[in-house]
Amino acid sequence: MKKLIFILAVFGSTFINAQSVIETTFVEVPLAEIDTFIELHKKVTDMAQGEGRTIKGHWAYRHWYGSGASIVLYDQFDSKADAINDDFRAVYGANYAKLSEEAQKEMDAVFTEWWAYFDGHTDEMRTINYEKYYVSKDAVDWDIPYVFVVGHYNTSGSIADLADAYMDWQARPLVKEGLQLAGGASAHYKGAGSDAQFFSAFENLVDFATTASGQGSDNTAARDTFWSLVGEGHQDQIYIHVGHLVDGVFDLAGKE
């Protein structure tokens, strides 16, 4: 996908012409075991790719700072129907059946160890209109451990108005004029989660810190509108990109 498929999706009826649905999975993995989880996740994810999947993108992030789960996984679909009809297990099973008996035993051990990490995981579904609520620099190489910042906000007003104000105050000017690679907004559709989530990507932590110290653009009207619509209890998290699907293969971030 040309567009950054990280996080966020179904704006449902809140936004007009929602283009994508994102299922988000939050997994608690002990810090010392994150590398092990990612290795297992690549093997299982690769085994589950093929005809019968409706998934259009899959992105994985590890937690770096703030509250939140240690691993966040994002699956992107073109519609709610595709999200419901996606058959991970059937495709995994078909590929598994082609393996030798010895290879099947190895995958059994991999899958069992991988699935054990999902005990107590949580999920949510979100929507995003990429035409209205997403902006990116041209020709970005996403095969890097970029910094991914997510803000969770509730509002007593209109989610669309809140998102419009965020895009005008932060996302559009910072991507156009600054170090931010991309940014956007999504709305809650199903499961746990805030009314709106705002996300931004930076090449590294230095670029993020430099941008954060500037407190956004000079569009004070959009800034004031944004904060006037914000409800109580917002949260922010900083993640590091660890890998995503490329042509049916889970590609670890960085040049192997």
C-alpha atoms as a PDB file:
ATOM      1  CA  MET A   1       0.000   0.000   0.000  1.00  0.00           C
ATOM      2  CA  LYS A   2       1.317   3.450  -0.882  1.00  0.00           C
ATOM      3  CA  LYS A   3      -0.419   5.059   2.073  1.00  0.00           C
ATOM      4  CA  LEU A   4       0.911   4.522   5.560  1.00  0.00           C
ATOM      5  CA  ILE A   5      -1.330   1.767   6.819  1.00  0.00           C
ATOM      6  CA  PHE A   6      -0.270   2.030  10.390  1.00  0.00           C
ATOM      7  CA  ILE A   7      -3.132   2.149  12.741  1.00  0.00           C
ATOM      8  CA  LEU A   8      -6.466   3.497  12.592  1.00  0.00           C
ATOM      9  CA  ALA A   9      -9.456   2.999  10.633  1.00  0.00           C
ATOM     10  CA  VAL A  10     -13.264   2.949  10.675  1.00  0.00           C
ATOM     11  CA  PHE A  11     -14.737   6.388  11.105  1.00  0.00           C
ATOM     12  CA  GLY A  12     -18.120   4.708  10.720  1.00  0.00           C
ATOM     13  CA  SER A  13     -20.937   7.207  10.343  1.00  0.00           C
ATOM     14  CA  THR A  14     -18.916   9.908  12.087  1.00  0.00           C
ATOM     15  CA  PHE A  15     -16.939  10.671   8.954  1.00  0.00           C
ATOM     16  CA  ILE A  16     -18.266  10.547   5.417  1.00  0.00           C
ATOM     17  CA  ASN A  17     -16.803   8.090   2.891  1.00  0.00           C
ATOM     18  CA  ALA A  18     -14.673   6.146   5.365  1.00  0.00           C
ATOM     19  CA  GLN A  19     -12.068   4.312   3.322  1.00  0.00           C
ATOM     20  CA  SER A  20     -10.449   1.812   5.655  1.00  0.00           C
ATOM     21  CA  VAL A  21     -11.063  -0.317   8.690  1.00  0.00           C
ATOM     22  CA  ILE A  22      -8.299  -1.064  11.172  1.00  0.00           C
ATOM     23  CA  GLU A  23      -8.398  -3.810  13.753  1.00  0.00           C
ATOM     24  CA  THR A  24      -5.973  -3.092  16.563  1.00  0.00           C
ATOM     25  CA  THR A  25      -4.642  -5.749  18.942  1.00  0.00           C
ATOM     26  CA  PHE A  26      -2.840  -4.861  22.166  1.00  0.00           C
ATOM     27  CA  VAL A  27      -0.529  -7.556  23.536  1.00  0.00           C
ATOM     28  CA  GLU A  28       1.401  -7.486  26.813  1.00  0.00           C
ATOM     29  CA  VAL A  29       4.817  -9.029  26.212  1.00  0.00           C
ATOM     30  CA  PRO A  30       7.550  -8.868  28.867  1.00  0.00           C
ATOM     31  CA  LEU A  31      10.292  -6.479  27.795  1.00  0.00           C
ATOM     32  CA  ALA A  32      12.968  -9.180  27.762  1.00  0.00           C
ATOM     33  CA  GLU A  33      10.809 -11.329  25.456  1.00  0.00           C
ATOM     34  CA  ILE A  34       9.797  -8.784  22.809  1.00  0.00           C
ATOM     35  CA  ASP A  35      12.459  -9.887  20.329  1.00  0.00           C
ATOM     36  CA  THR A  36      11.339 -13.491  20.766  1.00  0.00           C
ATOM     37  CA  PHE A  37       7.719 -12.506  20.191  1.00  0.00           C
ATOM     38  CA  ILE A  38       8.586 -10.620  16.998  1.00  0.00           C
ATOM     39  CA  GLU A  39      10.501 -13.630  15.641  1.00  0.00           C
ATOM     40  CA  LEU A  40       7.528 -15.898  16.353  1.00  0.00           C
ATOM     41  CA  HIS A  41       5.100 -13.335  14.960  1.00  0.00           C
ATOM     42  CA  LYS A  42       6.968 -13.189  11.661  1.00  0.00           C
ATOM     43  CA  LYS A  43       6.847 -16.971  11.255  1.00  0.00           C
ATOM     44  CA  VAL A  44       3.135 -17.208  12.041  1.00  0.00           C
ATOM     45  CA  THR A  45       2.229 -14.142   9.957  1.00  0.00           C
ATOM     46  CA  ASP A  46       4.147 -15.422   6.928  1.00  0.00           C
ATOM     47  CA  MET A  47       2.470 -18.836   7.229  1.00  0.00           C
ATOM     48  CA  ALA A  48      -0.967 -17.172   7.187  1.00  0.00           C
ATOM     49  CA  GLN A  49      -0.586 -15.277   3.903  1.00  0.00           C
ATOM     50  CA  GLY A  50      -2.203 -16.373   0.653  1.00  0.00           C
ATOM     51  CA  GLU A  51      -5.452 -16.669  -1.269  1.00  0.00           C
ATOM     52  CA  GLY A  52      -8.439 -16.201   0.992  1.00  0.00           C
ATOM     53  CA  ARG A  53      -7.081 -13.323   3.048  1.00  0.00           C
ATOM     54  CA  THR A  54      -8.803  -9.942   2.729  1.00  0.00           C
ATOM     55  CA  ILE A  55      -6.179  -8.111   4.772  1.00  0.00           C
ATOM     56  CA  LYS A  56      -4.517  -5.189   2.975  1.00  0.00           C
ATOM     57  CA  GLY A  57      -1.885  -4.257   5.511  1.00  0.00           C
ATOM     58  CA  HIS A  58      -0.366  -5.400   8.783  1.00  0.00           C
ATOM     59  CA  TRP A  59       1.928  -3.274  10.971  1.00  0.00           C
ATOM     60  CA  ALA A  60       3.612  -4.066  14.287  1.00  0.00           C
ATOM     61  CA  TYR A  61       4.972  -1.645  16.900  1.00  0.00           C
ATOM     62  CA  ARG A  62       6.775  -2.001  20.198  1.00  0.00           C
ATOM     63  CA  HIS A  63       6.177   0.365  23.090  1.00  0.00           C
ATOM     64  CA  TRP A  64       8.867   2.900  23.912  1.00  0.00           C
ATOM     65  CA  TYR A  65       7.373   5.497  26.269  1.00  0.00           C
ATOM     66  CA  GLY A  66       4.085   6.330  28.016  1.00  0.00           C
ATOM     67  CA  SER A  67       1.224   4.099  29.095  1.00  0.00           C
ATOM     68  CA  GLY A  68      -0.064   1.295  26.911  1.00  0.00           C
ATOM     69  CA  ALA A  69       0.602  -2.274  25.819  1.00  0.00           C
ATOM     70  CA  SER A  70       4.130  -3.383  24.977  1.00  0.00           C
ATOM     71  CA  ILE A  71       3.107  -4.602  21.488  1.00  0.00           C
ATOM     72  CA  VAL A  72       0.466  -3.109  19.187  1.00  0.00           C
ATOM     73  CA  LEU A  73      -0.625  -4.838  15.971  1.00  0.00           C
ATOM     74  CA  TYR A  74      -2.680  -3.159  13.239  1.00  0.00           C
ATOM     75  CA  ASP A  75      -4.595  -5.014  10.510  1.00  0.00           C
ATOM     76  CA  GLN A  76      -6.015  -2.900   7.682  1.00  0.00           C
ATOM     77  CA  PHE A  77      -9.060  -3.820   5.580  1.00  0.00           C
ATOM     78  CA  ASP A  78     -11.003  -2.034   2.864  1.00  0.00           C
ATOM     79  CA  SER A  79     -14.342  -2.545   4.623  1.00  0.00           C
ATOM     80  CA  LYS A  80     -16.041  -3.931   7.720  1.00  0.00           C
ATOM     81  CA  ALA A  81     -17.150  -6.933   5.673  1.00  0.00           C
ATOM     82  CA  ASP A  82     -13.553  -7.695   4.715  1.00  0.00           C
ATOM     83  CA  ALA A  83     -12.523  -7.461   8.352  1.00  0.00           C
ATOM     84  CA  ILE A  84     -15.230  -9.949   9.329  1.00  0.00           C
ATOM     85  CA  ASN A  85     -14.594 -12.337   6.422  1.00  0.00           C
ATOM     86  CA  ASP A  86     -10.810 -12.424   6.658  1.00  0.00           C
ATOM     87  CA  ASP A  87      -9.895 -16.075   7.307  1.00  0.00           C
ATOM     88  CA  PHE A  88      -6.508 -16.144   8.975  1.00  0.00           C
ATOM     89  CA  ARG A  89      -6.836 -19.682  10.309  1.00  0.00           C
ATOM     90  CA  ALA A  90      -8.043 -21.250   7.067  1.00  0.00           C
ATOM     91  CA  VAL A  91      -5.125 -19.855   5.065  1.00  0.00           C
ATOM     92  CA  TYR A  92      -2.681 -20.737   7.833  1.00  0.00           C
ATOM     93  CA  GLY A  93      -4.084 -24.277   7.876  1.00  0.00           C
ATOM     94  CA  ALA A  94      -3.792 -24.680   4.108  1.00  0.00           C
ATOM     95  CA  ASN A  95      -0.144 -23.604   4.138  1.00  0.00           C
ATOM     96  CA  TYR A  96       0.558 -25.728   7.196  1.00  0.00           C
ATOM     97  CA  ALA A  97      -0.835 -28.813   5.440  1.00  0.00           C
ATOM     98  CA  LYS A  98       1.795 -28.454   2.709  1.00  0.00           C
ATOM     99  CA  LEU A  99       4.652 -28.767   5.192  1.00  0.00           C
ATOM    100  CA  SER A 100       6.557 -31.941   5.931  1.00  0.00           C
ATOM    101  CA  GLU A 101       5.737 -33.741   9.158  1.00  0.00           C
ATOM    102  CA  GLU A 102       8.932 -32.463  10.745  1.00  0.00           C
ATOM    103  CA  ALA A 103       8.206 -28.875   9.665  1.00  0.00           C
ATOM    104  CA  GLN A 104       4.655 -29.161  11.015  1.00  0.00           C
ATOM    105  CA  LYS A 105       5.997 -30.143  14.432  1.00  0.00           C
ATOM    106  CA  GLU A 106       8.290 -27.103  14.363  1.00  0.00           C
ATOM    107  CA  MET A 107       5.374 -24.812  13.449  1.00  0.00           C
ATOM    108  CA  ASP A 108       3.215 -26.384  16.157  1.00  0.00           C
ATOM    109  CA  ALA A 109       5.795 -25.317  18.718  1.00  0.00           C
ATOM    110  CA  VAL A 110       6.073 -21.841  17.166  1.00  0.00           C
ATOM    111  CA  PHE A 111       2.314 -21.281  17.080  1.00  0.00           C
ATOM    112  CA  THR A 112       1.803 -22.535  20.646  1.00  0.00           C
ATOM    113  CA  GLU A 113       4.517 -20.249  22.007  1.00  0.00           C
ATOM    114  CA  TRP A 114       3.261 -17.288  19.918  1.00  0.00           C
ATOM    115  CA  TRP A 115      -0.402 -17.713  20.885  1.00  0.00           C
ATOM    116  CA  ALA A 116       0.432 -17.917  24.595  1.00  0.00           C
ATOM    117  CA  TYR A 117       1.427 -14.243  24.477  1.00  0.00           C
ATOM    118  CA  PHE A 118      -2.143 -13.302  23.502  1.00  0.00           C
ATOM    119  CA  ASP A 119      -3.578 -14.379  26.842  1.00  0.00           C
ATOM    120  CA  GLY A 120      -5.409 -11.286  28.139  1.00  0.00           C
ATOM    121  CA  HIS A 121      -4.993  -9.282  24.921  1.00  0.00           C
ATOM    122  CA  THR A 122      -7.532  -6.599  23.971  1.00  0.00           C
ATOM    123  CA  ASP A 123      -8.893  -5.471  20.595  1.00  0.00           C
ATOM    124  CA  GLU A 124     -10.600  -2.495  19.055  1.00  0.00           C
ATOM    125  CA  MET A 125     -11.763  -1.452  15.595  1.00  0.00           C
ATOM    126  CA  ARG A 126     -11.356   2.040  14.190  1.00  0.00           C
ATOM    127  CA  THR A 127     -12.019   3.872  10.929  1.00  0.00           C
ATOM    128  CA  ILE A 128     -10.037   6.356   8.887  1.00  0.00           C
ATOM    129  CA  ASN A 129     -10.810   8.475   5.867  1.00  0.00           C
ATOM    130  CA  TYR A 130      -7.416   8.768   4.176  1.00  0.00           C
ATOM    131  CA  GLU A 131      -8.568  11.581   1.897  1.00  0.00           C
ATOM    132  CA  LYS A 132      -9.534  13.877   4.777  1.00  0.00           C
ATOM    133  CA  TYR A 133      -7.631  12.661   7.812  1.00  0.00           C
ATOM    134  CA  TYR A 134      -4.208  11.575   6.611  1.00  0.00           C
ATOM    135  CA  VAL A 135      -1.203  13.395   5.184  1.00  0.00           C
ATOM    136  CA  SER A 136       2.305  12.197   4.322  1.00  0.00           C
ATOM    137  CA  LYS A 137       5.530  13.427   2.786  1.00  0.00           C
ATOM    138  CA  ASP A 138       6.285  12.050  -0.674  1.00  0.00           C
ATOM    139  CA  ALA A 139       8.445   8.963  -1.249  1.00  0.00           C
ATOM    140  CA  VAL A 140       8.959   8.004   2.395  1.00  0.00           C
ATOM    141  CA  ASP A 141      10.901   4.792   3.035  1.00  0.00           C
ATOM    142  CA  TRP A 142       8.852   3.071   5.740  1.00  0.00           C
ATOM    143  CA  ASP A 143      11.284   0.178   6.091  1.00  0.00           C
ATOM    144  CA  ILE A 144      12.923   1.811   9.100  1.00  0.00           C
ATOM    145  CA  PRO A 145      12.276   1.736  12.870  1.00  0.00           C
ATOM    146  CA  TYR A 146      10.439   5.046  12.705  1.00  0.00           C
ATOM    147  CA  VAL A 147       8.879   6.676  15.754  1.00  0.00           C
ATOM    148  CA  PHE A 148       5.101   6.405  15.919  1.00  0.00           C
ATOM    149  CA  VAL A 149       3.277   8.691  18.349  1.00  0.00           C
ATOM    150  CA  VAL A 150      -0.370   8.058  19.222  1.00  0.00           C
ATOM    151  CA  GLY A 151      -2.682  10.337  21.204  1.00  0.00           C
ATOM    152  CA  HIS A 152      -5.990   9.086  22.623  1.00  0.00           C
ATOM    153  CA  TYR A 153      -8.676  11.742  23.098  1.00  0.00           C
ATOM    154  CA  ASN A 154     -12.341  11.880  24.033  1.00  0.00           C
ATOM    155  CA  THR A 155     -14.630  14.764  23.225  1.00  0.00           C
ATOM    156  CA  SER A 156     -17.994  16.116  24.321  1.00  0.00           C
ATOM    157  CA  GLY A 157     -18.424  17.655  20.870  1.00  0.00           C
ATOM    158  CA  SER A 158     -18.026  16.442  17.317  1.00  0.00           C
ATOM    159  CA  ILE A 159     -15.221  13.957  16.593  1.00  0.00           C
ATOM    160  CA  ALA A 160     -15.084  15.283  13.031  1.00  0.00           C
ATOM    161  CA  ASP A 161     -14.609  18.861  14.255  1.00  0.00           C
ATOM    162  CA  LEU A 162     -11.905  17.681  16.659  1.00  0.00           C
ATOM    163  CA  ALA A 163     -10.128  15.817  13.852  1.00  0.00           C
ATOM    164  CA  ASP A 164     -10.405  18.766  11.452  1.00  0.00           C
ATOM    165  CA  ALA A 165      -8.847  21.063  14.056  1.00  0.00           C
ATOM    166  CA  TYR A 166      -6.011  18.594  14.685  1.00  0.00           C
ATOM    167  CA  MET A 167      -5.252  18.236  10.989  1.00  0.00           C
ATOM    168  CA  ASP A 168      -5.158  22.035  10.518  1.00  0.00           C
ATOM    169  CA  TRP A 169      -3.155  22.713  13.680  1.00  0.00           C
ATOM    170  CA  GLN A 170      -0.697  19.803  13.722  1.00  0.00           C
ATOM    171  CA  ALA A 171      -0.686  17.219  10.960  1.00  0.00           C
ATOM    172  CA  ARG A 172      -0.806  19.240   7.733  1.00  0.00           C
ATOM    173  CA  PRO A 173       1.592  22.068   8.666  1.00  0.00           C
ATOM    174  CA  LEU A 174       4.088  19.816  10.455  1.00  0.00           C
ATOM    175  CA  VAL A 175       4.273  17.368   7.566  1.00  0.00           C
ATOM    176  CA  LYS A 176       4.479  20.147   4.979  1.00  0.00           C
ATOM    177  CA  GLU A 177       6.964  22.366   6.747  1.00  0.00           C
ATOM    178  CA  GLY A 178       8.707  20.234   9.340  1.00  0.00           C
ATOM    179  CA  LEU A 179      10.288  16.931  10.305  1.00  0.00           C
ATOM    180  CA  GLN A 180       7.079  14.932  10.653  1.00  0.00           C
ATOM    181  CA  LEU A 181       6.822  12.177   8.028  1.00  0.00           C
ATOM    182  CA  ALA A 182       3.070  11.609   8.259  1.00  0.00           C
ATOM    183  CA  GLY A 183       0.066  12.122  10.486  1.00  0.00           C
ATOM    184  CA  GLY A 184      -3.644  11.674  10.739  1.00  0.00           C
ATOM    185  CA  ALA A 185      -6.707  10.881  12.801  1.00  0.00           C
ATOM    186  CA  SER A 186      -9.060   7.973  13.340  1.00  0.00           C
ATOM    187  CA  ALA A 187     -12.382   7.427  15.110  1.00  0.00           C
ATOM    188  CA  HIS A 188     -13.578   4.669  17.373  1.00  0.00           C
ATOM    189  CA  TYR A 189     -15.985   2.121  15.949  1.00  0.00           C
ATOM    190  CA  LYS A 190     -15.998  -0.994  18.148  1.00  0.00           C
ATOM    191  CA  GLY A 191     -14.289  -2.325  21.272  1.00  0.00           C
ATOM    192  CA  ALA A 192     -12.335  -0.419  23.875  1.00  0.00           C
ATOM    193  CA  GLY A 193     -10.725   2.860  22.938  1.00  0.00           C
ATOM    194  CA  SER A 194     -11.025   6.632  22.858  1.00  0.00           C
ATOM    195  CA  ASP A 195     -13.366   8.651  20.639  1.00  0.00           C
ATOM    196  CA  ALA A 196     -10.477   9.843  18.498  1.00  0.00           C
ATOM    197  CA  GLN A 197      -6.867   8.857  18.037  1.00  0.00           C
ATOM    198  CA  PHE A 198      -4.240  11.106  16.476  1.00  0.00           C
ATOM    199  CA  PHE A 199      -1.032   9.665  15.102  1.00  0.00           C
ATOM    200  CA  SER A 200       2.234  11.004  13.780  1.00  0.00           C
ATOM    201  CA  ALA A 201       5.429   9.435  12.445  1.00  0.00           C
ATOM    202  CA  PHE A 202       9.017  10.672  12.650  1.00  0.00           C
ATOM    203  CA  GLU A 203      12.228   9.253  11.243  1.00  0.00           C
ATOM    204  CA  ASN A 204      13.850   9.153  14.691  1.00  0.00           C
ATOM    205  CA  LEU A 205      13.495  10.299  18.283  1.00  0.00           C
ATOM    206  CA  VAL A 206      15.563  13.440  17.712  1.00  0.00           C
ATOM    207  CA  ASP A 207      13.168  14.631  15.005  1.00  0.00           C
ATOM    208  CA  PHE A 208      10.208  13.890  17.270  1.00  0.00           C
ATOM    209  CA  ALA A 209      11.744  15.782  20.213  1.00  0.00           C
ATOM    210  CA  THR A 210      12.601  18.742  18.001  1.00  0.00           C
ATOM    211  CA  THR A 211       9.052  18.906  16.656  1.00  0.00           C
ATOM    212  CA  ALA A 212       7.446  18.416  20.076  1.00  0.00           C
ATOM    213  CA  SER A 213       9.466  21.263  21.559  1.00  0.00           C
ATOM    214  CA  GLY A 214       7.913  23.622  18.998  1.00  0.00           C
ATOM    215  CA  GLN A 215       4.360  22.825  20.154  1.00  0.00           C
ATOM    216  CA  GLY A 216       2.873  22.677  16.674  1.00  0.00           C
ATOM    217  CA  SER A 217       2.180  25.299  14.034  1.00  0.00           C
ATOM    218  CA  ASP A 218       1.189  28.942  14.364  1.00  0.00           C
ATOM    219  CA  ASN A 219      -2.457  28.174  13.548  1.00  0.00           C
ATOM    220  CA  THR A 220      -3.759  29.389  16.895  1.00  0.00           C
ATOM    221  CA  ALA A 221      -7.408  29.280  15.784  1.00  0.00           C
ATOM    222  CA  ALA A 222      -7.200  25.552  15.002  1.00  0.00           C
ATOM    223  CA  ARG A 223      -5.261  24.942  18.229  1.00  0.00           C
ATOM    224  CA  ASP A 224      -7.878  26.722  20.322  1.00  0.00           C
ATOM    225  CA  THR A 225     -10.700  24.864  18.585  1.00  0.00           C
ATOM    226  CA  PHE A 226      -8.960  21.540  19.207  1.00  0.00           C
ATOM    227  CA  TRP A 227      -8.479  22.087  22.924  1.00  0.00           C
ATOM    228  CA  SER A 228     -11.996  23.463  23.339  1.00  0.00           C
ATOM    229  CA  LEU A 229     -13.335  20.115  22.091  1.00  0.00           C
ATOM    230  CA  VAL A 230     -11.052  17.847  24.110  1.00  0.00           C
ATOM    231  CA  GLY A 231     -12.658  15.902  26.954  1.00  0.00           C
ATOM    232  CA  GLU A 232     -11.014  14.556  30.073  1.00  0.00           C
ATOM    233  CA  GLY A 233      -8.353  11.928  30.412  1.00  0.00           C
ATOM    234  CA  HIS A 234      -6.317  11.984  27.202  1.00  0.00           C
ATOM    235  CA  GLN A 235      -3.250   9.738  26.894  1.00  0.00           C
ATOM    236  CA  ASP A 236      -0.176   9.649  24.683  1.00  0.00           C
ATOM    237  CA  GLN A 237       2.129   6.784  23.750  1.00  0.00           C
ATOM    238  CA  ILE A 238       5.348   6.537  21.763  1.00  0.00           C
ATOM    239  CA  TYR A 239       6.027   3.385  19.749  1.00  0.00           C
ATOM    240  CA  ILE A 240       8.804   2.119  17.507  1.00  0.00           C
ATOM    241  CA  HIS A 241       7.954   0.407  14.214  1.00  0.00           C
ATOM    242  CA  VAL A 242       9.242  -3.188  14.162  1.00  0.00           C
ATOM    243  CA  GLY A 243       7.827  -4.557  10.902  1.00  0.00           C
ATOM    244  CA  HIS A 244       4.982  -4.764   8.391  1.00  0.00           C
ATOM    245  CA  LEU A 245       3.686  -6.891   5.537  1.00  0.00           C
ATOM    246  CA  VAL A 246       5.325  -6.365   2.142  1.00  0.00           C
ATOM    247  CA  ASP A 247       4.119  -8.530  -0.757  1.00  0.00           C
ATOM    248  CA  GLY A 248       2.813 -11.207   1.580  1.00  0.00           C
ATOM    249  CA  VAL A 249       5.899 -11.369   3.795  1.00  0.00           C
ATOM    250  CA  PHE A 250       6.362  -9.796   7.236  1.00  0.00           C
ATOM    251  CA  ASP A 251       9.347  -7.503   6.665  1.00  0.00           C
ATOM    252  CA  LEU A 252      11.292  -6.568   9.781  1.00  0.00           C
ATOM    253  CA  ALA A 253      12.068  -2.856  10.013  1.00  0.00           C
ATOM    254  CA  GLY A 254      15.513  -1.935   8.770  1.00  0.00           C
ATOM    255  CA  LYS A 255      17.779  -3.145   6.021  1.00  0.00           C
ATOM    256  CA  GLU A 256      18.465  -6.832   6.584  1.00  0.00           C
END
